[in-house]
Amino acid sequence: MAVRLRLKRMGKKKQPTYRIVAIDSRAARDGKYIENLGTYDPRQEPAKVQLVEARALYWLDQGAQPSDTVYGLLQRKGVLLRRHLKGLGAEDAKVQEEMQKWEMMQADKLKRREAVKAQRKVKAKATTTTPEPAAIEPVAAEPVQTEAGQEPATS
């Protein structure tokens, strides 16, 4: 039996939420699944992902193939990095150390994204609010000086 890790749609119309499930690859799209591994809510900012990492690792070790979306979610949660490190034969202490480094890098990445968003908001606000034009005072017309009594040419 070939197993896939994929999303199963839940929620209301125009308000999607998903279950991350292990499912037989021959099952229908909305068919019966083997195990519920977590949930994914894309409507929140940032998207909320709850995942039972131990079970996801178990199914990956059993040969389950994640869909493209689930693969991205597993990457974002660090499950694939943990699996890679264990596959290289790293000890648990080394894996924990690397995961802590990865979490710090993810926190820095999030801070940079927030800073960029703040800068974009400031730029957008600056371009949409134009300064009020200063009141222009009419300039009095000065007489045109010409050579020795000649009148200016008029057209």
N, C-alpha and C. Protein backbone atom coordinates (compact mmCIF):
# COMPACT_ATOMS: atom_id res chain seq x y z
N MET A 1 0.85 -1.17 0.00
CA MET A 1 0.00 0.00 0.00
C MET A 1 0.90 1.24 0.00
N ALA A 2 0.67 2.11 -0.96
CA ALA A 2 1.42 3.36 -1.05
C ALA A 2 0.67 4.44 -0.26
N VAL A 3 1.41 5.11 0.62
CA VAL A 3 0.80 6.12 1.48
C VAL A 3 1.28 7.49 1.05
N ARG A 4 0.35 8.45 1.07
CA ARG A 4 0.69 9.83 0.77
C ARG A 4 0.30 10.70 1.95
N LEU A 5 1.04 11.76 2.16
CA LEU A 5 0.68 12.77 3.15
C LEU A 5 0.10 13.93 2.36
N ARG A 6 -1.16 14.25 2.63
CA ARG A 6 -1.77 15.35 1.89
C ARG A 6 -2.82 16.06 2.72
N LEU A 7 -3.38 17.11 2.14
CA LEU A 7 -4.36 17.92 2.84
C LEU A 7 -5.76 17.42 2.53
N LYS A 8 -6.61 17.44 3.54
CA LYS A 8 -8.02 17.11 3.39
C LYS A 8 -8.80 18.34 3.79
N ARG A 9 -9.60 18.86 2.87
CA ARG A 9 -10.31 20.12 3.09
C ARG A 9 -11.40 19.97 4.15
N MET A 10 -11.47 21.00 5.00
CA MET A 10 -12.54 21.10 6.00
C MET A 10 -13.02 22.56 5.97
N GLY A 11 -13.88 22.92 6.87
CA GLY A 11 -14.30 24.31 6.98
C GLY A 11 -15.50 24.62 6.12
N LYS A 12 -15.88 25.89 6.14
CA LYS A 12 -17.05 26.34 5.39
C LYS A 12 -16.64 26.89 4.03
N LYS A 13 -17.65 27.24 3.28
CA LYS A 13 -17.43 27.85 1.98
C LYS A 13 -16.69 29.18 2.19
N LYS A 14 -15.64 29.42 1.41
CA LYS A 14 -14.82 30.63 1.48
C LYS A 14 -14.06 30.77 2.80
N GLN A 15 -14.06 29.74 3.64
CA GLN A 15 -13.31 29.75 4.90
C GLN A 15 -12.61 28.40 5.07
N PRO A 16 -11.63 28.12 4.23
CA PRO A 16 -11.02 26.79 4.26
C PRO A 16 -10.09 26.57 5.45
N THR A 17 -10.13 25.39 5.98
CA THR A 17 -9.11 24.86 6.88
C THR A 17 -8.85 23.45 6.40
N TYR A 18 -7.70 22.93 6.73
CA TYR A 18 -7.32 21.63 6.20
C TYR A 18 -6.80 20.73 7.31
N ARG A 19 -6.97 19.43 7.12
CA ARG A 19 -6.32 18.42 7.94
C ARG A 19 -5.13 17.90 7.15
N ILE A 20 -4.05 17.67 7.86
CA ILE A 20 -2.89 17.01 7.26
C ILE A 20 -3.05 15.54 7.60
N VAL A 21 -3.19 14.70 6.58
CA VAL A 21 -3.51 13.30 6.82
C VAL A 21 -2.56 12.37 6.08
N ALA A 22 -2.45 11.15 6.62
CA ALA A 22 -1.80 10.05 5.92
C ALA A 22 -2.93 9.26 5.28
N ILE A 23 -2.85 9.07 3.96
CA ILE A 23 -3.95 8.45 3.22
C ILE A 23 -3.39 7.48 2.19
N ASP A 24 -4.15 6.44 1.91
CA ASP A 24 -3.78 5.49 0.87
C ASP A 24 -3.83 6.23 -0.47
N SER A 25 -2.81 6.06 -1.29
CA SER A 25 -2.74 6.81 -2.55
C SER A 25 -3.87 6.42 -3.51
N ARG A 26 -4.47 5.27 -3.31
CA ARG A 26 -5.55 4.84 -4.19
C ARG A 26 -6.92 5.36 -3.73
N ALA A 27 -6.98 5.95 -2.54
CA ALA A 27 -8.25 6.43 -2.01
C ALA A 27 -8.70 7.68 -2.76
N ALA A 28 -9.99 7.92 -2.72
CA ALA A 28 -10.55 9.11 -3.35
C ALA A 28 -10.02 10.36 -2.64
N ARG A 29 -10.12 11.50 -3.32
CA ARG A 29 -9.59 12.74 -2.77
C ARG A 29 -10.17 13.03 -1.39
N ASP A 30 -11.46 12.91 -1.24
CA ASP A 30 -12.10 13.15 0.05
C ASP A 30 -12.45 11.84 0.75
N GLY A 31 -11.73 10.79 0.42
CA GLY A 31 -12.01 9.48 0.98
C GLY A 31 -11.48 9.31 2.40
N LYS A 32 -11.60 8.09 2.87
CA LYS A 32 -11.20 7.75 4.22
C LYS A 32 -9.67 7.81 4.34
N TYR A 33 -9.20 8.38 5.43
CA TYR A 33 -7.77 8.50 5.64
C TYR A 33 -7.32 7.55 6.75
N ILE A 34 -6.01 7.30 6.80
CA ILE A 34 -5.46 6.37 7.77
C ILE A 34 -5.27 7.05 9.12
N GLU A 35 -4.65 8.25 9.09
CA GLU A 35 -4.35 8.93 10.35
C GLU A 35 -4.34 10.45 10.14
N ASN A 36 -4.87 11.16 11.13
CA ASN A 36 -4.85 12.62 11.13
C ASN A 36 -3.54 13.07 11.81
N LEU A 37 -2.74 13.86 11.09
CA LEU A 37 -1.44 14.28 11.61
C LEU A 37 -1.45 15.72 12.13
N GLY A 38 -2.45 16.50 11.77
CA GLY A 38 -2.49 17.87 12.24
C GLY A 38 -3.45 18.71 11.43
N THR A 39 -3.37 20.03 11.61
CA THR A 39 -4.25 20.95 10.89
C THR A 39 -3.43 22.09 10.29
N TYR A 40 -4.04 22.72 9.29
CA TYR A 40 -3.42 23.85 8.59
C TYR A 40 -4.51 24.87 8.33
N ASP A 41 -4.28 26.11 8.81
CA ASP A 41 -5.24 27.19 8.61
C ASP A 41 -4.54 28.32 7.85
N PRO A 42 -4.74 28.42 6.53
CA PRO A 42 -4.04 29.42 5.73
C PRO A 42 -4.61 30.83 5.88
N ARG A 43 -5.76 30.98 6.51
CA ARG A 43 -6.39 32.31 6.59
C ARG A 43 -5.75 33.19 7.64
N GLN A 44 -5.01 32.64 8.57
CA GLN A 44 -4.37 33.44 9.60
C GLN A 44 -3.05 34.00 9.07
N GLU A 45 -2.59 35.08 9.69
CA GLU A 45 -1.33 35.68 9.28
C GLU A 45 -0.35 35.63 10.44
N PRO A 46 0.70 34.87 10.44
CA PRO A 46 1.08 33.89 9.44
C PRO A 46 0.21 32.64 9.55
N ALA A 47 0.23 31.83 8.51
CA ALA A 47 -0.60 30.63 8.47
C ALA A 47 -0.30 29.74 9.67
N LYS A 48 -1.35 29.20 10.28
CA LYS A 48 -1.21 28.38 11.49
C LYS A 48 -1.11 26.90 11.09
N VAL A 49 -0.06 26.26 11.56
CA VAL A 49 0.15 24.84 11.28
C VAL A 49 0.35 24.12 12.61
N GLN A 50 -0.52 23.16 12.90
CA GLN A 50 -0.34 22.29 14.06
C GLN A 50 -0.07 20.91 13.52
N LEU A 51 0.99 20.27 14.03
CA LEU A 51 1.43 19.01 13.47
C LEU A 51 1.99 18.12 14.56
N VAL A 52 1.64 16.84 14.51
CA VAL A 52 2.24 15.84 15.40
C VAL A 52 3.50 15.36 14.67
N GLU A 53 4.64 15.96 15.04
CA GLU A 53 5.87 15.73 14.29
C GLU A 53 6.33 14.28 14.36
N ALA A 54 6.16 13.64 15.51
CA ALA A 54 6.61 12.25 15.65
C ALA A 54 5.88 11.34 14.67
N ARG A 55 4.58 11.55 14.50
CA ARG A 55 3.81 10.71 13.58
C ARG A 55 4.15 11.03 12.12
N ALA A 56 4.40 12.30 11.83
CA ALA A 56 4.80 12.67 10.48
C ALA A 56 6.13 12.01 10.13
N LEU A 57 7.07 12.04 11.09
CA LEU A 57 8.36 11.36 10.86
C LEU A 57 8.17 9.86 10.67
N TYR A 58 7.27 9.28 11.44
CA TYR A 58 7.00 7.85 11.31
C TYR A 58 6.53 7.52 9.89
N TRP A 59 5.56 8.29 9.40
CA TRP A 59 5.02 8.00 8.08
C TRP A 59 6.06 8.27 6.99
N LEU A 60 6.87 9.29 7.16
CA LEU A 60 7.94 9.54 6.18
C LEU A 60 8.94 8.39 6.17
N ASP A 61 9.24 7.86 7.35
CA ASP A 61 10.16 6.72 7.44
C ASP A 61 9.54 5.46 6.82
N GLN A 62 8.22 5.37 6.81
CA GLN A 62 7.53 4.23 6.21
C GLN A 62 7.41 4.36 4.69
N GLY A 63 7.89 5.49 4.16
CA GLY A 63 7.88 5.67 2.71
C GLY A 63 6.75 6.54 2.19
N ALA A 64 6.04 7.22 3.05
CA ALA A 64 4.95 8.08 2.60
C ALA A 64 5.50 9.24 1.79
N GLN A 65 4.81 9.59 0.72
CA GLN A 65 5.21 10.68 -0.15
C GLN A 65 4.32 11.89 0.14
N PRO A 66 4.90 13.01 0.61
CA PRO A 66 4.08 14.19 0.87
C PRO A 66 3.72 14.92 -0.43
N SER A 67 2.53 15.51 -0.45
CA SER A 67 2.16 16.35 -1.59
C SER A 67 3.04 17.61 -1.54
N ASP A 68 2.98 18.41 -2.58
CA ASP A 68 3.82 19.60 -2.64
C ASP A 68 3.53 20.56 -1.48
N THR A 69 2.25 20.76 -1.19
CA THR A 69 1.87 21.68 -0.12
C THR A 69 2.31 21.13 1.23
N VAL A 70 2.08 19.87 1.47
CA VAL A 70 2.48 19.27 2.75
C VAL A 70 3.99 19.27 2.89
N TYR A 71 4.71 19.06 1.78
CA TYR A 71 6.17 19.12 1.81
C TYR A 71 6.63 20.50 2.30
N GLY A 72 6.01 21.56 1.77
CA GLY A 72 6.35 22.91 2.20
C GLY A 72 6.04 23.14 3.67
N LEU A 73 4.91 22.61 4.14
CA LEU A 73 4.55 22.76 5.55
C LEU A 73 5.54 22.01 6.45
N LEU A 74 5.95 20.82 6.03
CA LEU A 74 6.92 20.05 6.80
C LEU A 74 8.26 20.77 6.85
N GLN A 75 8.63 21.42 5.76
CA GLN A 75 9.87 22.20 5.75
C GLN A 75 9.78 23.35 6.73
N ARG A 76 8.65 24.07 6.70
CA ARG A 76 8.48 25.23 7.58
C ARG A 76 8.50 24.85 9.05
N LYS A 77 8.03 23.65 9.37
CA LYS A 77 8.01 23.21 10.76
C LYS A 77 9.34 22.55 11.17
N GLY A 78 10.24 22.30 10.23
CA GLY A 78 11.53 21.72 10.55
C GLY A 78 11.55 20.20 10.62
N VAL A 79 10.47 19.57 10.23
CA VAL A 79 10.38 18.11 10.29
C VAL A 79 11.37 17.48 9.31
N LEU A 80 11.47 18.04 8.12
CA LEU A 80 12.37 17.46 7.12
C LEU A 80 13.83 17.63 7.50
N LEU A 81 14.18 18.74 8.16
CA LEU A 81 15.55 18.94 8.63
C LEU A 81 15.88 17.91 9.71
N ARG A 82 14.96 17.71 10.64
CA ARG A 82 15.18 16.72 11.70
C ARG A 82 15.37 15.32 11.10
N ARG A 83 14.56 14.98 10.10
CA ARG A 83 14.67 13.67 9.46
C ARG A 83 16.01 13.53 8.73
N HIS A 84 16.42 14.62 8.08
CA HIS A 84 17.71 14.59 7.37
C HIS A 84 18.87 14.38 8.34
N LEU A 85 18.84 15.11 9.45
CA LEU A 85 19.92 14.97 10.43
C LEU A 85 19.96 13.56 11.03
N LYS A 86 18.80 13.01 11.32
CA LYS A 86 18.76 11.64 11.84
C LYS A 86 19.23 10.64 10.80
N GLY A 87 18.92 10.92 9.53
CA GLY A 87 19.36 10.04 8.44
C GLY A 87 20.87 10.04 8.27
N LEU A 88 21.50 11.15 8.64
CA LEU A 88 22.96 11.23 8.57
C LEU A 88 23.62 10.52 9.74
N GLY A 89 22.82 10.09 10.71
CA GLY A 89 23.36 9.38 11.86
C GLY A 89 23.76 10.29 13.00
N ALA A 90 23.24 11.49 13.04
CA ALA A 90 23.58 12.43 14.11
C ALA A 90 22.92 11.97 15.41
N GLU A 91 23.62 12.23 16.52
CA GLU A 91 23.09 11.87 17.83
C GLU A 91 21.97 12.85 18.19
N ASP A 92 21.15 12.45 19.18
CA ASP A 92 20.02 13.28 19.58
C ASP A 92 20.45 14.66 20.07
N ALA A 93 21.57 14.73 20.81
CA ALA A 93 22.05 16.01 21.32
C ALA A 93 22.43 16.93 20.15
N LYS A 94 23.09 16.38 19.15
CA LYS A 94 23.49 17.16 17.98
C LYS A 94 22.26 17.62 17.19
N VAL A 95 21.26 16.75 17.08
CA VAL A 95 20.03 17.10 16.38
C VAL A 95 19.33 18.24 17.10
N GLN A 96 19.26 18.16 18.44
CA GLN A 96 18.62 19.22 19.22
C GLN A 96 19.36 20.55 19.05
N GLU A 97 20.67 20.51 19.05
CA GLU A 97 21.48 21.71 18.89
C GLU A 97 21.22 22.35 17.52
N GLU A 98 21.21 21.52 16.48
CA GLU A 98 20.96 22.03 15.13
C GLU A 98 19.54 22.58 15.01
N MET A 99 18.58 21.94 15.65
CA MET A 99 17.20 22.43 15.60
C MET A 99 17.07 23.78 16.31
N GLN A 100 17.80 23.96 17.40
CA GLN A 100 17.78 25.25 18.09
C GLN A 100 18.38 26.35 17.21
N LYS A 101 19.46 26.04 16.51
CA LYS A 101 20.05 27.00 15.58
C LYS A 101 19.05 27.35 14.48
N TRP A 102 18.38 26.33 13.97
CA TRP A 102 17.40 26.54 12.91
C TRP A 102 16.25 27.42 13.39
N GLU A 103 15.78 27.18 14.62
CA GLU A 103 14.69 27.98 15.18
C GLU A 103 15.12 29.44 15.35
N MET A 104 16.36 29.67 15.75
CA MET A 104 16.88 31.04 15.87
C MET A 104 16.91 31.72 14.50
N MET A 105 17.35 30.97 13.48
CA MET A 105 17.38 31.52 12.13
C MET A 105 15.97 31.86 11.65
N GLN A 106 15.00 31.01 11.98
CA GLN A 106 13.62 31.27 11.57
C GLN A 106 13.07 32.51 12.27
N ALA A 107 13.42 32.71 13.54
CA ALA A 107 12.98 33.90 14.28
C ALA A 107 13.58 35.16 13.66
N ASP A 108 14.87 35.10 13.29
CA ASP A 108 15.51 36.25 12.63
C ASP A 108 14.86 36.54 11.28
N LYS A 109 14.55 35.49 10.55
CA LYS A 109 13.89 35.64 9.26
C LYS A 109 12.54 36.32 9.41
N LEU A 110 11.79 35.93 10.43
CA LEU A 110 10.49 36.54 10.70
C LEU A 110 10.63 38.02 11.05
N LYS A 111 11.65 38.35 11.86
CA LYS A 111 11.89 39.75 12.22
C LYS A 111 12.22 40.58 10.98
N ARG A 112 13.04 40.03 10.08
CA ARG A 112 13.39 40.75 8.85
C ARG A 112 12.16 40.98 7.99
N ARG A 113 11.30 39.97 7.90
CA ARG A 113 10.07 40.12 7.11
C ARG A 113 9.18 41.21 7.69
N GLU A 114 9.06 41.24 9.01
CA GLU A 114 8.24 42.26 9.67
C GLU A 114 8.83 43.65 9.43
N ALA A 115 10.16 43.76 9.45
CA ALA A 115 10.80 45.05 9.21
C ALA A 115 10.54 45.52 7.78
N VAL A 116 10.61 44.60 6.82
CA VAL A 116 10.35 44.94 5.43
C VAL A 116 8.89 45.39 5.26
N LYS A 117 7.97 44.69 5.91
CA LYS A 117 6.56 45.08 5.84
C LYS A 117 6.36 46.48 6.42
N ALA A 118 7.02 46.77 7.52
CA ALA A 118 6.89 48.09 8.13
C ALA A 118 7.44 49.18 7.20
N GLN A 119 8.57 48.90 6.56
CA GLN A 119 9.14 49.87 5.62
C GLN A 119 8.22 50.10 4.44
N ARG A 120 7.60 49.05 3.94
CA ARG A 120 6.68 49.19 2.81
C ARG A 120 5.47 50.03 3.20
N LYS A 121 4.98 49.84 4.42
CA LYS A 121 3.85 50.64 4.88
C LYS A 121 4.22 52.11 4.96
N VAL A 122 5.42 52.39 5.47
CA VAL A 122 5.87 53.78 5.58
C VAL A 122 6.01 54.40 4.18
N LYS A 123 6.59 53.65 3.24
CA LYS A 123 6.75 54.15 1.87
C LYS A 123 5.39 54.39 1.22
N ALA A 124 4.48 53.45 1.42
CA ALA A 124 3.15 53.59 0.82
C ALA A 124 2.42 54.80 1.39
N LYS A 125 2.58 55.01 2.67
CA LYS A 125 1.92 56.14 3.31
C LYS A 125 2.53 57.45 2.82
N ALA A 126 3.84 57.47 2.63
CA ALA A 126 4.52 58.69 2.17
C ALA A 126 4.13 59.03 0.73
N THR A 127 3.94 58.03 -0.11
CA THR A 127 3.60 58.31 -1.51
C THR A 127 2.14 58.68 -1.68
N THR A 128 1.28 58.19 -0.81
CA THR A 128 -0.14 58.51 -0.96
C THR A 128 -0.50 59.86 -0.37
N THR A 129 0.23 60.32 0.62
CA THR A 129 -0.05 61.64 1.19
C THR A 129 0.91 62.65 0.58
N THR A 130 0.36 63.51 -0.27
CA THR A 130 1.18 64.54 -0.91
C THR A 130 1.03 65.83 -0.10
N PRO A 131 2.09 66.59 0.01
CA PRO A 131 2.00 67.83 0.78
C PRO A 131 1.07 68.83 0.08
N GLU A 132 0.42 69.67 0.88
CA GLU A 132 -0.48 70.67 0.30
C GLU A 132 0.35 71.72 -0.42
N PRO A 133 -0.11 72.14 -1.60
CA PRO A 133 0.66 73.15 -2.33
C PRO A 133 0.62 74.47 -1.58
N ALA A 134 1.73 75.16 -1.58
CA ALA A 134 1.80 76.46 -0.90
C ALA A 134 0.95 77.46 -1.67
N ALA A 135 0.39 78.40 -0.95
CA ALA A 135 -0.44 79.42 -1.60
C ALA A 135 0.43 80.25 -2.52
N ILE A 136 0.02 80.35 -3.75
CA ILE A 136 0.79 81.09 -4.75
C ILE A 136 0.23 82.51 -4.81
N GLU A 137 1.10 83.48 -4.55
CA GLU A 137 0.67 84.87 -4.60
C GLU A 137 0.88 85.38 -6.02
N PRO A 138 -0.10 86.11 -6.53
CA PRO A 138 0.07 86.63 -7.88
C PRO A 138 1.19 87.67 -7.91
N VAL A 139 1.96 87.63 -8.95
CA VAL A 139 3.08 88.55 -9.11
C VAL A 139 2.59 89.74 -9.92
N ALA A 140 2.83 90.93 -9.40
CA ALA A 140 2.41 92.13 -10.11
C ALA A 140 3.27 92.30 -11.36
N ALA A 141 2.62 92.64 -12.44
CA ALA A 141 3.34 92.82 -13.69
C ALA A 141 4.14 94.11 -13.64
N GLU A 142 5.40 94.02 -13.91
CA GLU A 142 6.27 95.19 -13.91
C GLU A 142 6.33 95.76 -15.32
N PRO A 143 6.43 97.02 -15.42
CA PRO A 143 6.52 97.60 -16.77
C PRO A 143 7.80 97.17 -17.46
N VAL A 144 7.68 96.90 -18.72
CA VAL A 144 8.81 96.47 -19.50
C VAL A 144 9.60 97.69 -19.91
N GLN A 145 10.88 97.66 -19.63
CA GLN A 145 11.72 98.80 -20.00
C GLN A 145 12.28 98.55 -21.39
N THR A 146 12.17 99.55 -22.19
CA THR A 146 12.67 99.44 -23.55
C THR A 146 13.67 100.56 -23.80
N GLU A 147 14.28 100.52 -24.95
CA GLU A 147 15.28 101.54 -25.29
C GLU A 147 14.59 102.84 -25.66
N ALA A 148 15.10 103.84 -25.22
CA ALA A 148 14.76 105.24 -25.50
C ALA A 148 13.39 105.46 -26.10
N GLY A 149 12.41 105.30 -25.33
CA GLY A 149 11.07 105.70 -25.69
C GLY A 149 10.37 104.78 -26.67
N GLN A 150 10.88 103.62 -26.96
CA GLN A 150 10.19 102.72 -27.85
C GLN A 150 9.14 101.94 -27.07
N GLU A 151 8.03 101.75 -27.71
CA GLU A 151 6.97 100.98 -27.07
C GLU A 151 7.23 99.49 -27.33
N PRO A 152 6.86 98.64 -26.35
CA PRO A 152 7.06 97.21 -26.58
C PRO A 152 6.16 96.70 -27.68
N ALA A 153 6.67 95.72 -28.40
CA ALA A 153 5.88 95.15 -29.50
C ALA A 153 4.79 94.26 -28.92
N THR A 154 3.61 94.39 -29.49
CA THR A 154 2.50 93.55 -29.06
C THR A 154 2.11 92.65 -30.21
N SER A 155 1.65 91.50 -29.88
CA SER A 155 1.27 90.62 -30.95
C SER A 155 -0.19 90.40 -31.01
